[in-house]
Amino acid sequence: MKRFKGTPGPWFLDQYGNLKAEQGDCSRSMVGFSGLCLTRGKTAEANTQLVAASPKLLEAAIMAVEHYDEFFKGCEPPEDLPWVSVMREAIKEALGGDME
């Protein structure tokens, strides 16, 4: 399965509410985003928390789908698990295309 190629983090908020990430041996630095409409207050804080958690959420989704695929390898998987297709689509979107 394809892997995330963006900044893995860890991501955090600084004392001013700016989203930052550790990058290798460098000191913590600002991470720039293009095309974002930034807001202030509680909405901005909630958005930033989601962005900061997204690398871990993506990795968890990939692990869950890989485990699912391995568990049901060679047999018919149940049809009543709608989370699988939702998770596959989310992973595909996050990785910018194919999951392979």
N, C-alpha and C. Protein backbone atom coordinates (compact mmCIF):
# COMPACT_ATOMS: atom_id res chain seq x y z
N MET A 1 0.83 -1.17 0.00
CA MET A 1 0.00 0.00 0.00
C MET A 1 0.89 1.24 0.00
N LYS A 2 0.49 2.24 -0.72
CA LYS A 2 1.21 3.51 -0.79
C LYS A 2 1.32 4.14 0.60
N ARG A 3 2.35 4.88 0.85
CA ARG A 3 2.57 5.52 2.14
C ARG A 3 2.51 7.04 2.01
N PHE A 4 2.21 7.69 3.11
CA PHE A 4 2.14 9.14 3.20
C PHE A 4 3.51 9.74 2.99
N LYS A 5 3.62 10.74 2.13
CA LYS A 5 4.91 11.35 1.82
C LYS A 5 5.05 12.77 2.39
N GLY A 6 4.04 13.22 3.12
CA GLY A 6 4.09 14.56 3.71
C GLY A 6 4.89 14.58 4.99
N THR A 7 4.80 15.68 5.71
CA THR A 7 5.51 15.84 6.97
C THR A 7 4.85 14.96 8.03
N PRO A 8 5.56 13.96 8.56
CA PRO A 8 4.95 13.03 9.50
C PRO A 8 4.75 13.61 10.90
N GLY A 9 5.43 14.67 11.22
CA GLY A 9 5.30 15.25 12.55
C GLY A 9 6.40 14.74 13.45
N PRO A 10 6.25 14.83 14.74
CA PRO A 10 4.99 15.16 15.40
C PRO A 10 4.58 16.62 15.16
N TRP A 11 3.30 16.83 15.06
CA TRP A 11 2.72 18.15 14.87
C TRP A 11 2.26 18.67 16.22
N PHE A 12 2.28 19.98 16.39
CA PHE A 12 1.85 20.57 17.65
C PHE A 12 1.49 22.04 17.43
N LEU A 13 0.80 22.60 18.41
CA LEU A 13 0.50 24.02 18.42
C LEU A 13 1.52 24.72 19.30
N ASP A 14 2.07 25.84 18.82
CA ASP A 14 2.96 26.60 19.69
C ASP A 14 2.13 27.50 20.60
N GLN A 15 2.79 28.28 21.41
CA GLN A 15 2.08 29.11 22.37
C GLN A 15 1.21 30.17 21.73
N TYR A 16 1.38 30.41 20.42
CA TYR A 16 0.58 31.41 19.71
C TYR A 16 -0.53 30.76 18.89
N GLY A 17 -0.65 29.44 18.94
CA GLY A 17 -1.67 28.74 18.18
C GLY A 17 -1.27 28.41 16.75
N ASN A 18 0.03 28.54 16.43
CA ASN A 18 0.53 28.21 15.11
C ASN A 18 0.80 26.72 15.01
N LEU A 19 0.47 26.14 13.88
CA LEU A 19 0.74 24.72 13.64
C LEU A 19 2.19 24.56 13.24
N LYS A 20 2.89 23.69 13.94
CA LYS A 20 4.31 23.45 13.66
C LYS A 20 4.57 21.95 13.61
N ALA A 21 5.71 21.59 13.07
CA ALA A 21 6.11 20.18 13.01
C ALA A 21 7.61 20.08 13.17
N GLU A 22 8.05 18.99 13.79
CA GLU A 22 9.47 18.71 13.85
C GLU A 22 9.87 18.11 12.52
N GLN A 23 11.00 18.53 12.01
CA GLN A 23 11.46 18.03 10.72
C GLN A 23 12.91 17.59 10.84
N GLY A 24 13.12 16.30 11.00
CA GLY A 24 14.46 15.75 11.10
C GLY A 24 15.19 16.29 12.31
N ASP A 25 16.45 16.64 12.12
CA ASP A 25 17.27 17.16 13.21
C ASP A 25 17.12 18.66 13.38
N CYS A 26 16.31 19.28 12.52
CA CYS A 26 16.13 20.73 12.59
C CYS A 26 15.29 21.09 13.81
N SER A 27 15.45 22.33 14.21
CA SER A 27 14.58 22.80 15.28
C SER A 27 13.16 22.88 14.74
N ARG A 28 12.22 23.00 15.61
CA ARG A 28 10.82 23.05 15.21
C ARG A 28 10.61 24.23 14.29
N SER A 29 9.91 24.00 13.23
CA SER A 29 9.74 25.05 12.24
C SER A 29 8.29 25.14 11.79
N MET A 30 7.93 26.29 11.27
CA MET A 30 6.57 26.48 10.75
C MET A 30 6.37 25.58 9.54
N VAL A 31 5.17 25.10 9.40
CA VAL A 31 4.80 24.32 8.23
C VAL A 31 3.82 25.16 7.43
N GLY A 32 4.13 25.42 6.19
CA GLY A 32 3.27 26.25 5.37
C GLY A 32 2.21 25.45 4.66
N PHE A 33 1.08 26.06 4.43
CA PHE A 33 -0.02 25.44 3.70
C PHE A 33 -0.43 26.38 2.59
N SER A 34 -0.72 25.86 1.44
CA SER A 34 -1.22 26.70 0.36
C SER A 34 -2.71 26.45 0.20
N GLY A 35 -3.44 27.50 -0.07
CA GLY A 35 -4.86 27.37 -0.35
C GLY A 35 -5.74 27.20 0.88
N LEU A 36 -5.23 27.49 2.07
CA LEU A 36 -6.04 27.38 3.27
C LEU A 36 -6.66 28.72 3.61
N CYS A 37 -7.90 28.69 3.99
CA CYS A 37 -8.56 29.87 4.50
C CYS A 37 -8.54 29.76 6.02
N LEU A 38 -7.76 30.58 6.66
CA LEU A 38 -7.60 30.46 8.09
C LEU A 38 -8.67 31.25 8.84
N THR A 39 -9.10 30.68 9.93
CA THR A 39 -10.08 31.35 10.80
C THR A 39 -9.43 31.59 12.15
N ARG A 40 -10.16 32.22 13.04
CA ARG A 40 -9.63 32.50 14.37
C ARG A 40 -10.52 31.86 15.42
N GLY A 41 -10.01 31.78 16.63
CA GLY A 41 -10.81 31.33 17.74
C GLY A 41 -10.95 29.82 17.81
N LYS A 42 -12.09 29.38 18.35
CA LYS A 42 -12.34 27.96 18.59
C LYS A 42 -12.35 27.15 17.30
N THR A 43 -12.87 27.73 16.21
CA THR A 43 -12.89 27.02 14.93
C THR A 43 -11.47 26.75 14.45
N ALA A 44 -10.61 27.76 14.53
CA ALA A 44 -9.22 27.60 14.11
C ALA A 44 -8.52 26.56 14.96
N GLU A 45 -8.78 26.58 16.26
CA GLU A 45 -8.16 25.61 17.17
C GLU A 45 -8.59 24.19 16.82
N ALA A 46 -9.88 24.00 16.56
CA ALA A 46 -10.40 22.68 16.19
C ALA A 46 -9.82 22.22 14.87
N ASN A 47 -9.72 23.12 13.88
CA ASN A 47 -9.13 22.77 12.58
C ASN A 47 -7.67 22.37 12.74
N THR A 48 -6.94 23.11 13.54
CA THR A 48 -5.53 22.84 13.75
C THR A 48 -5.33 21.50 14.45
N GLN A 49 -6.17 21.20 15.42
CA GLN A 49 -6.07 19.90 16.11
C GLN A 49 -6.29 18.75 15.14
N LEU A 50 -7.25 18.91 14.22
CA LEU A 50 -7.51 17.87 13.23
C LEU A 50 -6.32 17.71 12.29
N VAL A 51 -5.76 18.81 11.80
CA VAL A 51 -4.60 18.74 10.91
C VAL A 51 -3.42 18.10 11.64
N ALA A 52 -3.22 18.47 12.89
CA ALA A 52 -2.11 17.91 13.66
C ALA A 52 -2.25 16.41 13.86
N ALA A 53 -3.47 15.93 14.02
CA ALA A 53 -3.71 14.50 14.24
C ALA A 53 -3.76 13.70 12.95
N SER A 54 -3.88 14.36 11.81
CA SER A 54 -4.12 13.64 10.56
C SER A 54 -3.05 12.62 10.17
N PRO A 55 -1.75 12.86 10.36
CA PRO A 55 -0.79 11.80 10.01
C PRO A 55 -1.01 10.51 10.81
N LYS A 56 -1.33 10.64 12.10
CA LYS A 56 -1.59 9.45 12.92
C LYS A 56 -2.89 8.78 12.50
N LEU A 57 -3.91 9.58 12.19
CA LEU A 57 -5.18 9.01 11.74
C LEU A 57 -5.00 8.25 10.43
N LEU A 58 -4.22 8.82 9.50
CA LEU A 58 -3.97 8.16 8.22
C LEU A 58 -3.24 6.85 8.44
N GLU A 59 -2.22 6.85 9.28
CA GLU A 59 -1.47 5.62 9.54
C GLU A 59 -2.36 4.57 10.18
N ALA A 60 -3.23 4.97 11.11
CA ALA A 60 -4.16 4.03 11.74
C ALA A 60 -5.12 3.45 10.71
N ALA A 61 -5.61 4.28 9.79
CA ALA A 61 -6.52 3.80 8.75
C ALA A 61 -5.82 2.80 7.85
N ILE A 62 -4.58 3.09 7.46
CA ILE A 62 -3.82 2.17 6.61
C ILE A 62 -3.61 0.84 7.34
N MET A 63 -3.23 0.90 8.61
CA MET A 63 -3.02 -0.34 9.38
C MET A 63 -4.31 -1.14 9.49
N ALA A 64 -5.44 -0.47 9.71
CA ALA A 64 -6.72 -1.17 9.84
C ALA A 64 -7.10 -1.86 8.54
N VAL A 65 -6.96 -1.18 7.42
CA VAL A 65 -7.31 -1.78 6.13
C VAL A 65 -6.35 -2.92 5.79
N GLU A 66 -5.07 -2.75 6.06
CA GLU A 66 -4.11 -3.83 5.80
C GLU A 66 -4.44 -5.06 6.66
N HIS A 67 -4.78 -4.83 7.92
CA HIS A 67 -5.15 -5.93 8.82
C HIS A 67 -6.42 -6.62 8.31
N TYR A 68 -7.40 -5.84 7.91
CA TYR A 68 -8.65 -6.37 7.35
C TYR A 68 -8.36 -7.25 6.13
N ASP A 69 -7.54 -6.72 5.21
CA ASP A 69 -7.21 -7.48 4.00
C ASP A 69 -6.50 -8.79 4.33
N GLU A 70 -5.58 -8.74 5.27
CA GLU A 70 -4.84 -9.94 5.65
C GLU A 70 -5.76 -10.95 6.36
N PHE A 71 -6.63 -10.46 7.23
CA PHE A 71 -7.53 -11.32 7.99
C PHE A 71 -8.49 -12.08 7.07
N PHE A 72 -9.00 -11.40 6.04
CA PHE A 72 -9.97 -12.02 5.14
C PHE A 72 -9.34 -12.54 3.85
N LYS A 73 -8.02 -12.65 3.82
CA LYS A 73 -7.32 -13.16 2.64
C LYS A 73 -7.76 -14.59 2.35
N GLY A 74 -8.22 -14.83 1.14
CA GLY A 74 -8.62 -16.17 0.72
C GLY A 74 -10.03 -16.57 1.12
N CYS A 75 -10.79 -15.68 1.73
CA CYS A 75 -12.17 -16.00 2.05
C CYS A 75 -13.05 -14.77 1.80
N GLU A 76 -14.33 -14.99 1.85
CA GLU A 76 -15.29 -13.92 1.56
C GLU A 76 -15.45 -13.01 2.78
N PRO A 77 -15.12 -11.70 2.66
CA PRO A 77 -15.29 -10.80 3.80
C PRO A 77 -16.77 -10.48 4.02
N PRO A 78 -17.13 -10.11 5.23
CA PRO A 78 -18.52 -9.75 5.50
C PRO A 78 -18.92 -8.50 4.72
N GLU A 79 -20.20 -8.41 4.38
CA GLU A 79 -20.68 -7.27 3.60
C GLU A 79 -21.23 -6.16 4.48
N ASP A 80 -21.32 -6.38 5.77
CA ASP A 80 -21.94 -5.40 6.67
C ASP A 80 -20.91 -4.51 7.38
N LEU A 81 -19.78 -4.27 6.74
CA LEU A 81 -18.76 -3.41 7.33
C LEU A 81 -18.53 -2.19 6.43
N PRO A 82 -19.41 -1.19 6.50
CA PRO A 82 -19.31 -0.04 5.60
C PRO A 82 -18.06 0.81 5.84
N TRP A 83 -17.43 0.67 7.00
CA TRP A 83 -16.26 1.47 7.29
C TRP A 83 -15.09 1.15 6.37
N VAL A 84 -15.06 -0.07 5.83
CA VAL A 84 -13.93 -0.47 4.99
C VAL A 84 -13.86 0.38 3.72
N SER A 85 -14.97 0.51 3.02
CA SER A 85 -14.96 1.30 1.78
C SER A 85 -14.75 2.79 2.08
N VAL A 86 -15.30 3.27 3.18
CA VAL A 86 -15.10 4.68 3.56
C VAL A 86 -13.63 4.92 3.86
N MET A 87 -13.01 4.00 4.58
CA MET A 87 -11.61 4.15 4.93
C MET A 87 -10.71 4.06 3.70
N ARG A 88 -11.02 3.14 2.79
CA ARG A 88 -10.22 3.04 1.56
C ARG A 88 -10.29 4.35 0.76
N GLU A 89 -11.47 4.93 0.66
CA GLU A 89 -11.64 6.18 -0.08
C GLU A 89 -10.89 7.32 0.61
N ALA A 90 -10.95 7.38 1.92
CA ALA A 90 -10.24 8.43 2.66
C ALA A 90 -8.73 8.29 2.48
N ILE A 91 -8.23 7.07 2.53
CA ILE A 91 -6.79 6.84 2.32
C ILE A 91 -6.40 7.27 0.92
N LYS A 92 -7.20 6.89 -0.05
CA LYS A 92 -6.94 7.26 -1.44
C LYS A 92 -6.86 8.78 -1.60
N GLU A 93 -7.82 9.49 -1.00
CA GLU A 93 -7.83 10.95 -1.07
C GLU A 93 -6.59 11.55 -0.38
N ALA A 94 -6.24 11.02 0.78
CA ALA A 94 -5.11 11.54 1.53
C ALA A 94 -3.79 11.34 0.79
N LEU A 95 -3.69 10.23 0.07
CA LEU A 95 -2.45 9.91 -0.65
C LEU A 95 -2.45 10.45 -2.08
N GLY A 96 -3.55 11.06 -2.49
CA GLY A 96 -3.60 11.68 -3.81
C GLY A 96 -3.74 10.71 -4.95
N GLY A 97 -4.47 9.63 -4.75
CA GLY A 97 -4.69 8.70 -5.85
C GLY A 97 -4.79 7.27 -5.38
N ASP A 98 -4.08 6.39 -6.07
CA ASP A 98 -4.15 4.97 -5.78
C ASP A 98 -3.61 4.64 -4.41
N MET A 99 -4.14 3.55 -3.87
CA MET A 99 -3.65 3.03 -2.60
C MET A 99 -2.46 2.10 -2.83
N GLU A 100 -2.23 1.68 -4.03
CA GLU A 100 -1.16 0.72 -4.34
C GLU A 100 0.15 1.44 -4.56
